[in-house]
Amino acid sequence: VSVLVLDGVFDTGLTTVVDTLTLANELSQTVHEGEAFDVNLVSVRRRVRTALGLSVPSLRLDEIEWPETLVVPALGAKTPQSLAEALGRADVRDAIEVLREAQDNGVRLAAACTGTYLLAATGLPDGKLATTTWWLAADFRTRFPEVNLDESKMVVDEGQHVTAGAALAHVDLALWI
């Protein structure tokens, strides 16, 4: 499992996904000696900072093999205007292209909260069911009318695409994984 880290990533979303998968690894070894997840942080740039300004060590996506699952946590952008600005950034546009390439290579894509905007921007979930954070549902529908949005669901599994709702749905997404 690789977790995509972009500048301005929502700190809680990032750490929740990583903490939940790490805990699952620890418990699987203790409880039933299950196979652990190989979890790493990946990015499209050499240097990444969270929304709160923390530096995040990560591997460049072009330097690793494709993971089985690529998780896109929320961006720190929380309003339609700030999301529009974020979606226009060069690193975010590059990440959207990487998501398309990952899909072409059989990678399952998972996104939570505003991370679902990046997934939707690829066009890959067009005609399929998805969810996102409830407070941005109207904006999401306007921006991505081809996606069948159901913001009442916490997690939507569409096979190669899995989406999760609001900010704390990162936990639900990580538990789904």
N, C-alpha and C. Protein backbone atom coordinates (compact mmCIF):
# COMPACT_ATOMS: atom_id res chain seq x y z
N VAL A 1 0.85 -1.17 0.00
CA VAL A 1 0.00 0.00 0.00
C VAL A 1 0.89 1.23 0.00
N SER A 2 0.69 2.09 -0.96
CA SER A 2 1.39 3.36 -0.98
C SER A 2 0.39 4.47 -0.69
N VAL A 3 0.83 5.45 0.07
CA VAL A 3 0.00 6.60 0.41
C VAL A 3 0.60 7.81 -0.29
N LEU A 4 -0.19 8.43 -1.16
CA LEU A 4 0.28 9.57 -1.94
C LEU A 4 0.22 10.83 -1.09
N VAL A 5 1.38 11.47 -0.96
CA VAL A 5 1.49 12.68 -0.14
C VAL A 5 1.76 13.86 -1.06
N LEU A 6 0.86 14.83 -1.03
CA LEU A 6 1.03 16.05 -1.81
C LEU A 6 1.20 17.23 -0.86
N ASP A 7 1.82 18.30 -1.36
CA ASP A 7 1.92 19.49 -0.54
C ASP A 7 0.54 19.89 -0.05
N GLY A 8 0.47 20.23 1.23
CA GLY A 8 -0.80 20.66 1.81
C GLY A 8 -1.71 19.51 2.18
N VAL A 9 -1.19 18.28 2.23
CA VAL A 9 -2.02 17.14 2.62
C VAL A 9 -2.61 17.41 4.01
N PHE A 10 -3.83 16.95 4.21
CA PHE A 10 -4.52 17.08 5.50
C PHE A 10 -3.80 16.17 6.49
N ASP A 11 -3.17 16.75 7.48
CA ASP A 11 -2.33 15.99 8.42
C ASP A 11 -3.08 14.82 9.05
N THR A 12 -4.28 15.07 9.53
CA THR A 12 -5.06 14.02 10.20
C THR A 12 -5.36 12.88 9.24
N GLY A 13 -5.72 13.20 8.01
CA GLY A 13 -6.00 12.15 7.03
C GLY A 13 -4.79 11.28 6.76
N LEU A 14 -3.65 11.92 6.56
CA LEU A 14 -2.42 11.18 6.29
C LEU A 14 -2.06 10.28 7.47
N THR A 15 -2.01 10.86 8.65
CA THR A 15 -1.57 10.07 9.80
C THR A 15 -2.59 9.00 10.18
N THR A 16 -3.87 9.27 9.98
CA THR A 16 -4.89 8.28 10.28
C THR A 16 -4.73 7.04 9.41
N VAL A 17 -4.52 7.25 8.12
CA VAL A 17 -4.33 6.11 7.21
C VAL A 17 -3.09 5.32 7.61
N VAL A 18 -1.98 6.01 7.80
CA VAL A 18 -0.74 5.32 8.13
C VAL A 18 -0.83 4.64 9.50
N ASP A 19 -1.38 5.33 10.49
CA ASP A 19 -1.53 4.73 11.83
C ASP A 19 -2.43 3.50 11.81
N THR A 20 -3.53 3.57 11.08
CA THR A 20 -4.46 2.44 11.03
C THR A 20 -3.81 1.22 10.36
N LEU A 21 -3.10 1.44 9.26
CA LEU A 21 -2.44 0.32 8.57
C LEU A 21 -1.29 -0.23 9.41
N THR A 22 -0.58 0.64 10.12
CA THR A 22 0.50 0.19 10.99
C THR A 22 -0.06 -0.64 12.14
N LEU A 23 -1.15 -0.18 12.74
CA LEU A 23 -1.80 -0.94 13.81
C LEU A 23 -2.27 -2.29 13.30
N ALA A 24 -2.85 -2.32 12.10
CA ALA A 24 -3.30 -3.59 11.52
C ALA A 24 -2.11 -4.54 11.37
N ASN A 25 -0.97 -4.02 10.93
CA ASN A 25 0.24 -4.85 10.82
C ASN A 25 0.65 -5.41 12.18
N GLU A 26 0.68 -4.55 13.18
CA GLU A 26 1.08 -5.00 14.51
C GLU A 26 0.12 -6.05 15.06
N LEU A 27 -1.17 -5.82 14.91
CA LEU A 27 -2.15 -6.78 15.44
C LEU A 27 -2.16 -8.08 14.65
N SER A 28 -1.96 -8.00 13.34
CA SER A 28 -1.97 -9.24 12.55
C SER A 28 -0.82 -10.15 12.95
N GLN A 29 0.30 -9.58 13.31
CA GLN A 29 1.44 -10.38 13.74
C GLN A 29 1.21 -10.97 15.13
N THR A 30 0.53 -10.23 15.98
CA THR A 30 0.28 -10.66 17.35
C THR A 30 -0.84 -11.68 17.43
N VAL A 31 -1.91 -11.43 16.70
CA VAL A 31 -3.12 -12.23 16.83
C VAL A 31 -3.06 -13.52 16.03
N HIS A 32 -2.69 -13.43 14.77
CA HIS A 32 -2.75 -14.65 13.95
C HIS A 32 -1.60 -14.77 12.95
N GLU A 33 -0.53 -14.05 13.18
CA GLU A 33 0.65 -14.14 12.32
C GLU A 33 0.30 -13.98 10.85
N GLY A 34 -0.59 -13.03 10.57
CA GLY A 34 -0.97 -12.76 9.19
C GLY A 34 0.12 -12.01 8.46
N GLU A 35 -0.07 -11.89 7.17
CA GLU A 35 0.90 -11.18 6.35
C GLU A 35 0.72 -9.68 6.54
N ALA A 36 1.81 -8.97 6.76
CA ALA A 36 1.76 -7.54 7.01
C ALA A 36 1.69 -6.75 5.70
N PHE A 37 1.09 -5.58 5.79
CA PHE A 37 1.10 -4.64 4.67
C PHE A 37 2.49 -4.03 4.56
N ASP A 38 2.93 -3.82 3.37
CA ASP A 38 4.13 -3.03 3.13
C ASP A 38 3.62 -1.63 2.84
N VAL A 39 3.75 -0.72 3.79
CA VAL A 39 3.20 0.63 3.67
C VAL A 39 4.33 1.62 3.44
N ASN A 40 4.17 2.47 2.43
CA ASN A 40 5.16 3.52 2.23
C ASN A 40 4.46 4.80 1.79
N LEU A 41 5.16 5.91 1.99
CA LEU A 41 4.67 7.22 1.57
C LEU A 41 5.35 7.57 0.27
N VAL A 42 4.54 8.00 -0.71
CA VAL A 42 5.07 8.34 -2.03
C VAL A 42 4.60 9.73 -2.42
N SER A 43 5.34 10.34 -3.33
CA SER A 43 4.98 11.67 -3.79
C SER A 43 5.42 11.86 -5.24
N VAL A 44 5.03 12.98 -5.80
CA VAL A 44 5.45 13.32 -7.16
C VAL A 44 6.55 14.38 -7.14
N ARG A 45 6.93 14.83 -5.96
CA ARG A 45 8.00 15.82 -5.78
C ARG A 45 8.98 15.32 -4.72
N ARG A 46 10.16 15.88 -4.71
CA ARG A 46 11.17 15.47 -3.73
C ARG A 46 10.82 15.94 -2.32
N ARG A 47 10.27 17.13 -2.19
CA ARG A 47 9.96 17.69 -0.88
C ARG A 47 8.46 17.92 -0.76
N VAL A 48 7.93 17.47 0.36
CA VAL A 48 6.49 17.61 0.60
C VAL A 48 6.28 18.11 2.02
N ARG A 49 5.33 19.04 2.15
CA ARG A 49 4.94 19.55 3.46
C ARG A 49 3.44 19.39 3.63
N THR A 50 3.05 19.07 4.84
CA THR A 50 1.63 18.92 5.15
C THR A 50 0.98 20.29 5.27
N ALA A 51 -0.34 20.30 5.44
CA ALA A 51 -1.07 21.56 5.61
C ALA A 51 -0.58 22.32 6.84
N LEU A 52 -0.11 21.60 7.85
CA LEU A 52 0.41 22.24 9.06
C LEU A 52 1.90 22.54 8.98
N GLY A 53 2.50 22.28 7.82
CA GLY A 53 3.90 22.64 7.61
C GLY A 53 4.93 21.60 7.97
N LEU A 54 4.49 20.38 8.30
CA LEU A 54 5.45 19.32 8.64
C LEU A 54 6.06 18.74 7.37
N SER A 55 7.35 18.50 7.41
CA SER A 55 8.04 17.87 6.29
C SER A 55 7.77 16.38 6.33
N VAL A 56 7.48 15.80 5.17
CA VAL A 56 7.13 14.38 5.09
C VAL A 56 8.16 13.65 4.23
N PRO A 57 8.88 12.69 4.82
CA PRO A 57 9.80 11.89 4.00
C PRO A 57 8.98 10.95 3.13
N SER A 58 9.31 10.93 1.86
CA SER A 58 8.55 10.07 0.95
C SER A 58 9.44 9.61 -0.19
N LEU A 59 8.99 8.56 -0.85
CA LEU A 59 9.66 8.05 -2.03
C LEU A 59 9.01 8.67 -3.26
N ARG A 60 9.77 8.90 -4.28
CA ARG A 60 9.17 9.39 -5.53
C ARG A 60 8.46 8.22 -6.21
N LEU A 61 7.27 8.47 -6.70
CA LEU A 61 6.50 7.41 -7.35
C LEU A 61 7.22 6.83 -8.55
N ASP A 62 8.01 7.64 -9.22
CA ASP A 62 8.74 7.12 -10.39
C ASP A 62 9.97 6.30 -9.99
N GLU A 63 10.21 6.12 -8.69
CA GLU A 63 11.35 5.35 -8.22
C GLU A 63 10.96 4.02 -7.57
N ILE A 64 9.68 3.69 -7.60
CA ILE A 64 9.23 2.44 -6.97
C ILE A 64 8.40 1.63 -7.95
N GLU A 65 8.18 0.36 -7.59
CA GLU A 65 7.26 -0.47 -8.37
C GLU A 65 5.83 -0.07 -8.00
N TRP A 66 4.91 -0.32 -8.90
CA TRP A 66 3.51 0.01 -8.61
C TRP A 66 3.02 -0.80 -7.42
N PRO A 67 2.33 -0.15 -6.50
CA PRO A 67 1.76 -0.87 -5.37
C PRO A 67 0.47 -1.57 -5.78
N GLU A 68 -0.02 -2.42 -4.91
CA GLU A 68 -1.35 -3.02 -5.14
C GLU A 68 -2.44 -1.96 -4.98
N THR A 69 -2.26 -1.10 -3.97
CA THR A 69 -3.23 -0.05 -3.68
C THR A 69 -2.50 1.28 -3.49
N LEU A 70 -3.06 2.33 -4.06
CA LEU A 70 -2.54 3.68 -3.89
C LEU A 70 -3.62 4.52 -3.23
N VAL A 71 -3.33 5.05 -2.05
CA VAL A 71 -4.29 5.81 -1.26
C VAL A 71 -4.03 7.30 -1.43
N VAL A 72 -5.10 8.05 -1.66
CA VAL A 72 -5.02 9.50 -1.77
C VAL A 72 -5.75 10.12 -0.59
N PRO A 73 -5.01 10.58 0.43
CA PRO A 73 -5.67 11.25 1.54
C PRO A 73 -6.15 12.64 1.13
N ALA A 74 -6.91 13.26 1.97
CA ALA A 74 -7.46 14.59 1.69
C ALA A 74 -6.37 15.63 1.55
N LEU A 75 -6.67 16.60 0.74
CA LEU A 75 -5.85 17.81 0.70
C LEU A 75 -6.29 18.70 1.86
N GLY A 76 -5.45 19.61 2.25
CA GLY A 76 -5.81 20.54 3.30
C GLY A 76 -6.87 21.55 2.86
N ALA A 77 -7.15 21.62 1.58
CA ALA A 77 -8.17 22.52 1.03
C ALA A 77 -9.55 22.05 1.47
N LYS A 78 -10.35 22.97 1.99
CA LYS A 78 -11.64 22.56 2.56
C LYS A 78 -12.84 23.32 1.98
N THR A 79 -12.59 24.20 1.04
CA THR A 79 -13.68 24.97 0.43
C THR A 79 -13.61 24.81 -1.08
N PRO A 80 -14.71 25.06 -1.78
CA PRO A 80 -14.66 24.97 -3.25
C PRO A 80 -13.56 25.83 -3.86
N GLN A 81 -13.39 27.04 -3.35
CA GLN A 81 -12.37 27.94 -3.90
C GLN A 81 -10.96 27.40 -3.65
N SER A 82 -10.68 26.96 -2.43
CA SER A 82 -9.33 26.45 -2.14
C SER A 82 -9.07 25.14 -2.89
N LEU A 83 -10.11 24.34 -3.11
CA LEU A 83 -9.94 23.11 -3.89
C LEU A 83 -9.66 23.43 -5.36
N ALA A 84 -10.33 24.43 -5.89
CA ALA A 84 -10.07 24.83 -7.28
C ALA A 84 -8.62 25.26 -7.43
N GLU A 85 -8.13 26.03 -6.46
CA GLU A 85 -6.73 26.45 -6.49
C GLU A 85 -5.80 25.24 -6.40
N ALA A 86 -6.10 24.33 -5.50
CA ALA A 86 -5.25 23.14 -5.32
C ALA A 86 -5.24 22.28 -6.59
N LEU A 87 -6.40 22.09 -7.20
CA LEU A 87 -6.47 21.26 -8.41
C LEU A 87 -5.71 21.88 -9.58
N GLY A 88 -5.45 23.16 -9.51
CA GLY A 88 -4.69 23.83 -10.56
C GLY A 88 -3.19 23.80 -10.37
N ARG A 89 -2.73 23.35 -9.22
CA ARG A 89 -1.29 23.31 -8.96
C ARG A 89 -0.60 22.25 -9.82
N ALA A 90 0.64 22.50 -10.16
CA ALA A 90 1.41 21.58 -11.01
C ALA A 90 1.57 20.20 -10.36
N ASP A 91 1.86 20.15 -9.05
CA ASP A 91 2.06 18.85 -8.41
C ASP A 91 0.76 18.05 -8.38
N VAL A 92 -0.36 18.72 -8.22
CA VAL A 92 -1.65 18.02 -8.20
C VAL A 92 -1.99 17.54 -9.61
N ARG A 93 -1.74 18.35 -10.61
CA ARG A 93 -1.98 17.90 -12.00
C ARG A 93 -1.10 16.69 -12.32
N ASP A 94 0.16 16.72 -11.87
CA ASP A 94 1.05 15.56 -12.07
C ASP A 94 0.52 14.33 -11.35
N ALA A 95 0.01 14.53 -10.14
CA ALA A 95 -0.55 13.41 -9.38
C ALA A 95 -1.76 12.81 -10.09
N ILE A 96 -2.59 13.64 -10.68
CA ILE A 96 -3.77 13.15 -11.41
C ILE A 96 -3.32 12.26 -12.58
N GLU A 97 -2.27 12.68 -13.28
CA GLU A 97 -1.73 11.86 -14.37
C GLU A 97 -1.17 10.54 -13.84
N VAL A 98 -0.50 10.59 -12.69
CA VAL A 98 0.04 9.38 -12.07
C VAL A 98 -1.09 8.43 -11.69
N LEU A 99 -2.19 8.95 -11.22
CA LEU A 99 -3.33 8.10 -10.87
C LEU A 99 -3.86 7.39 -12.11
N ARG A 100 -3.93 8.09 -13.23
CA ARG A 100 -4.37 7.44 -14.48
C ARG A 100 -3.40 6.32 -14.87
N GLU A 101 -2.11 6.61 -14.78
CA GLU A 101 -1.09 5.62 -15.12
C GLU A 101 -1.16 4.43 -14.17
N ALA A 102 -1.37 4.70 -12.89
CA ALA A 102 -1.49 3.63 -11.91
C ALA A 102 -2.67 2.72 -12.25
N GLN A 103 -3.80 3.31 -12.58
CA GLN A 103 -4.98 2.54 -12.96
C GLN A 103 -4.66 1.66 -14.16
N ASP A 104 -3.96 2.22 -15.15
CA ASP A 104 -3.58 1.45 -16.34
C ASP A 104 -2.67 0.28 -16.00
N ASN A 105 -1.98 0.37 -14.86
CA ASN A 105 -1.08 -0.70 -14.42
C ASN A 105 -1.71 -1.60 -13.38
N GLY A 106 -3.05 -1.54 -13.25
CA GLY A 106 -3.77 -2.46 -12.38
C GLY A 106 -3.79 -2.09 -10.91
N VAL A 107 -3.38 -0.88 -10.57
CA VAL A 107 -3.36 -0.44 -9.18
C VAL A 107 -4.78 -0.05 -8.76
N ARG A 108 -5.19 -0.53 -7.59
CA ARG A 108 -6.47 -0.11 -7.01
C ARG A 108 -6.26 1.28 -6.42
N LEU A 109 -7.15 2.21 -6.73
CA LEU A 109 -7.06 3.58 -6.24
C LEU A 109 -8.06 3.80 -5.13
N ALA A 110 -7.61 4.37 -4.04
CA ALA A 110 -8.47 4.64 -2.89
C ALA A 110 -8.28 6.10 -2.49
N ALA A 111 -9.40 6.80 -2.25
CA ALA A 111 -9.31 8.22 -1.90
C ALA A 111 -10.34 8.54 -0.84
N ALA A 112 -9.98 9.49 0.03
CA ALA A 112 -10.88 9.90 1.11
C ALA A 112 -11.05 11.41 1.11
N CYS A 113 -12.23 11.83 1.56
CA CYS A 113 -12.54 13.24 1.75
C CYS A 113 -12.22 14.02 0.46
N THR A 114 -11.45 15.09 0.53
CA THR A 114 -11.16 15.87 -0.67
C THR A 114 -10.17 15.17 -1.61
N GLY A 115 -9.55 14.09 -1.16
CA GLY A 115 -8.74 13.28 -2.06
C GLY A 115 -9.57 12.68 -3.19
N THR A 116 -10.89 12.56 -2.96
CA THR A 116 -11.77 12.03 -4.00
C THR A 116 -11.82 12.97 -5.20
N TYR A 117 -11.54 14.25 -4.98
CA TYR A 117 -11.50 15.20 -6.10
C TYR A 117 -10.40 14.83 -7.08
N LEU A 118 -9.26 14.41 -6.57
CA LEU A 118 -8.16 14.01 -7.47
C LEU A 118 -8.55 12.79 -8.27
N LEU A 119 -9.16 11.83 -7.60
CA LEU A 119 -9.60 10.63 -8.30
C LEU A 119 -10.63 10.98 -9.37
N ALA A 120 -11.61 11.82 -9.01
CA ALA A 120 -12.63 12.21 -9.97
C ALA A 120 -12.04 13.00 -11.14
N ALA A 121 -11.02 13.79 -10.88
CA ALA A 121 -10.39 14.59 -11.94
C ALA A 121 -9.72 13.72 -13.00
N THR A 122 -9.44 12.46 -12.67
CA THR A 122 -8.85 11.56 -13.67
C THR A 122 -9.87 11.13 -14.71
N GLY A 123 -11.17 11.23 -14.35
CA GLY A 123 -12.23 10.73 -15.23
C GLY A 123 -12.47 9.25 -15.06
N LEU A 124 -11.65 8.56 -14.29
CA LEU A 124 -11.77 7.12 -14.13
C LEU A 124 -13.08 6.68 -13.46
N PRO A 125 -13.59 7.43 -12.47
CA PRO A 125 -14.86 6.99 -11.85
C PRO A 125 -16.12 7.49 -12.56
N ASP A 126 -15.98 8.07 -13.75
CA ASP A 126 -17.16 8.53 -14.48
C ASP A 126 -18.12 7.37 -14.71
N GLY A 127 -19.40 7.61 -14.43
CA GLY A 127 -20.42 6.59 -14.60
C GLY A 127 -20.48 5.60 -13.46
N LYS A 128 -19.64 5.78 -12.45
CA LYS A 128 -19.60 4.86 -11.31
C LYS A 128 -19.99 5.59 -10.04
N LEU A 129 -20.29 4.82 -9.03
CA LEU A 129 -20.66 5.37 -7.73
C LEU A 129 -19.42 5.79 -6.96
N ALA A 130 -19.54 6.91 -6.24
CA ALA A 130 -18.45 7.40 -5.39
C ALA A 130 -19.07 8.18 -4.24
N THR A 131 -18.25 8.46 -3.26
CA THR A 131 -18.67 9.32 -2.16
C THR A 131 -17.57 10.35 -1.92
N THR A 132 -17.91 11.38 -1.20
CA THR A 132 -16.96 12.41 -0.79
C THR A 132 -17.49 13.05 0.47
N THR A 133 -16.82 14.06 0.92
CA THR A 133 -17.24 14.73 2.13
C THR A 133 -18.56 15.46 1.91
N TRP A 134 -19.45 15.36 2.86
CA TRP A 134 -20.81 15.86 2.73
C TRP A 134 -20.87 17.36 2.49
N TRP A 135 -19.95 18.14 3.08
CA TRP A 135 -20.08 19.59 2.95
C TRP A 135 -19.65 20.10 1.57
N LEU A 136 -19.04 19.24 0.75
CA LEU A 136 -18.64 19.64 -0.59
C LEU A 136 -19.41 18.89 -1.67
N ALA A 137 -20.47 18.20 -1.30
CA ALA A 137 -21.23 17.39 -2.26
C ALA A 137 -21.74 18.22 -3.44
N ALA A 138 -22.31 19.38 -3.17
CA ALA A 138 -22.85 20.21 -4.27
C ALA A 138 -21.74 20.63 -5.22
N ASP A 139 -20.60 21.05 -4.68
CA ASP A 139 -19.48 21.45 -5.52
C ASP A 139 -18.95 20.25 -6.31
N PHE A 140 -18.84 19.09 -5.67
CA PHE A 140 -18.36 17.89 -6.35
C PHE A 140 -19.27 17.54 -7.53
N ARG A 141 -20.58 17.60 -7.30
CA ARG A 141 -21.54 17.28 -8.38
C ARG A 141 -21.40 18.26 -9.54
N THR A 142 -21.20 19.53 -9.24
CA THR A 142 -21.03 20.53 -10.29
C THR A 142 -19.75 20.29 -11.06
N ARG A 143 -18.68 20.01 -10.34
CA ARG A 143 -17.37 19.84 -10.96
C ARG A 143 -17.23 18.50 -11.70
N PHE A 144 -17.87 17.44 -11.17
CA PHE A 144 -17.73 16.10 -11.74
C PHE A 144 -19.11 15.48 -11.97
N PRO A 145 -19.90 16.02 -12.90
CA PRO A 145 -21.28 15.55 -13.08
C PRO A 145 -21.39 14.11 -13.58
N GLU A 146 -20.34 13.56 -14.14
CA GLU A 146 -20.38 12.19 -14.66
C GLU A 146 -20.23 11.14 -13.57
N VAL A 147 -19.80 11.56 -12.38
CA VAL A 147 -19.64 10.63 -11.26
C VAL A 147 -20.97 10.53 -10.52
N ASN A 148 -21.41 9.34 -10.22
CA ASN A 148 -22.65 9.12 -9.46
C ASN A 148 -22.34 9.24 -7.97
N LEU A 149 -22.54 10.43 -7.44
CA LEU A 149 -22.15 10.72 -6.07
C LEU A 149 -23.25 10.35 -5.09
N ASP A 150 -22.85 9.66 -4.02
CA ASP A 150 -23.75 9.37 -2.89
C ASP A 150 -22.99 9.71 -1.62
N GLU A 151 -23.12 10.96 -1.19
CA GLU A 151 -22.38 11.42 -0.01
C GLU A 151 -22.92 10.86 1.30
N SER A 152 -24.01 10.09 1.24
CA SER A 152 -24.54 9.47 2.46
C SER A 152 -23.77 8.21 2.84
N LYS A 153 -22.97 7.69 1.92
CA LYS A 153 -22.19 6.48 2.20
C LYS A 153 -20.82 6.87 2.74
N MET A 154 -20.33 6.07 3.68
CA MET A 154 -19.01 6.34 4.25
C MET A 154 -17.91 5.78 3.35
N VAL A 155 -18.11 4.57 2.78
CA VAL A 155 -17.14 3.96 1.88
C VAL A 155 -17.89 3.37 0.70
N VAL A 156 -17.39 3.60 -0.49
CA VAL A 156 -17.96 3.04 -1.71
C VAL A 156 -16.86 2.26 -2.43
N ASP A 157 -17.10 0.97 -2.63
CA ASP A 157 -16.16 0.08 -3.31
C ASP A 157 -16.67 -0.17 -4.72
N GLU A 158 -15.95 0.34 -5.70
CA GLU A 158 -16.29 0.12 -7.11
C GLU A 158 -15.20 -0.72 -7.79
N GLY A 159 -14.60 -1.62 -7.04
CA GLY A 159 -13.57 -2.48 -7.61
C GLY A 159 -12.22 -1.79 -7.64
N GLN A 160 -11.86 -1.22 -8.78
CA GLN A 160 -10.57 -0.55 -8.91
C GLN A 160 -10.55 0.82 -8.26
N HIS A 161 -11.72 1.34 -7.85
CA HIS A 161 -11.82 2.64 -7.19
C HIS A 161 -12.58 2.49 -5.89
N VAL A 162 -12.01 2.99 -4.82
CA VAL A 162 -12.68 2.99 -3.52
C VAL A 162 -12.63 4.42 -3.00
N THR A 163 -13.79 4.94 -2.61
CA THR A 163 -13.83 6.29 -2.07
C THR A 163 -14.42 6.27 -0.68
N ALA A 164 -14.00 7.26 0.12
CA ALA A 164 -14.52 7.39 1.48
C ALA A 164 -14.94 8.85 1.70
N GLY A 165 -15.90 9.04 2.60
CA GLY A 165 -16.53 10.33 2.82
C GLY A 165 -15.67 11.35 3.53
N ALA A 166 -16.22 11.95 4.54
CA ALA A 166 -15.62 13.12 5.19
C ALA A 166 -14.28 12.82 5.86
N ALA A 167 -13.73 13.86 6.48
CA ALA A 167 -12.36 13.84 6.99
C ALA A 167 -12.01 12.59 7.79
N LEU A 168 -12.83 12.20 8.74
CA LEU A 168 -12.49 11.04 9.57
C LEU A 168 -12.83 9.71 8.91
N ALA A 169 -13.36 9.75 7.70
CA ALA A 169 -13.58 8.52 6.94
C ALA A 169 -12.26 7.90 6.50
N HIS A 170 -11.16 8.60 6.70
CA HIS A 170 -9.85 8.00 6.44
C HIS A 170 -9.69 6.71 7.24
N VAL A 171 -10.23 6.70 8.46
CA VAL A 171 -10.18 5.49 9.29
C VAL A 171 -10.96 4.37 8.60
N ASP A 172 -12.16 4.68 8.15
CA ASP A 172 -13.00 3.67 7.48
C ASP A 172 -12.32 3.15 6.23
N LEU A 173 -11.69 4.03 5.47
CA LEU A 173 -10.99 3.61 4.26
C LEU A 173 -9.82 2.69 4.60
N ALA A 174 -9.03 3.07 5.60
CA ALA A 174 -7.90 2.24 6.00
C ALA A 174 -8.36 0.90 6.54
N LEU A 175 -9.47 0.88 7.28
CA LEU A 175 -10.01 -0.40 7.77
C LEU A 175 -10.52 -1.24 6.62
N TRP A 176 -11.10 -0.62 5.60
CA TRP A 176 -11.55 -1.34 4.42
C TRP A 176 -10.35 -2.03 3.76
N ILE A 177 -9.23 -1.30 3.64
CA ILE A 177 -8.02 -1.86 3.02
C ILE A 177 -7.56 -3.05 3.85
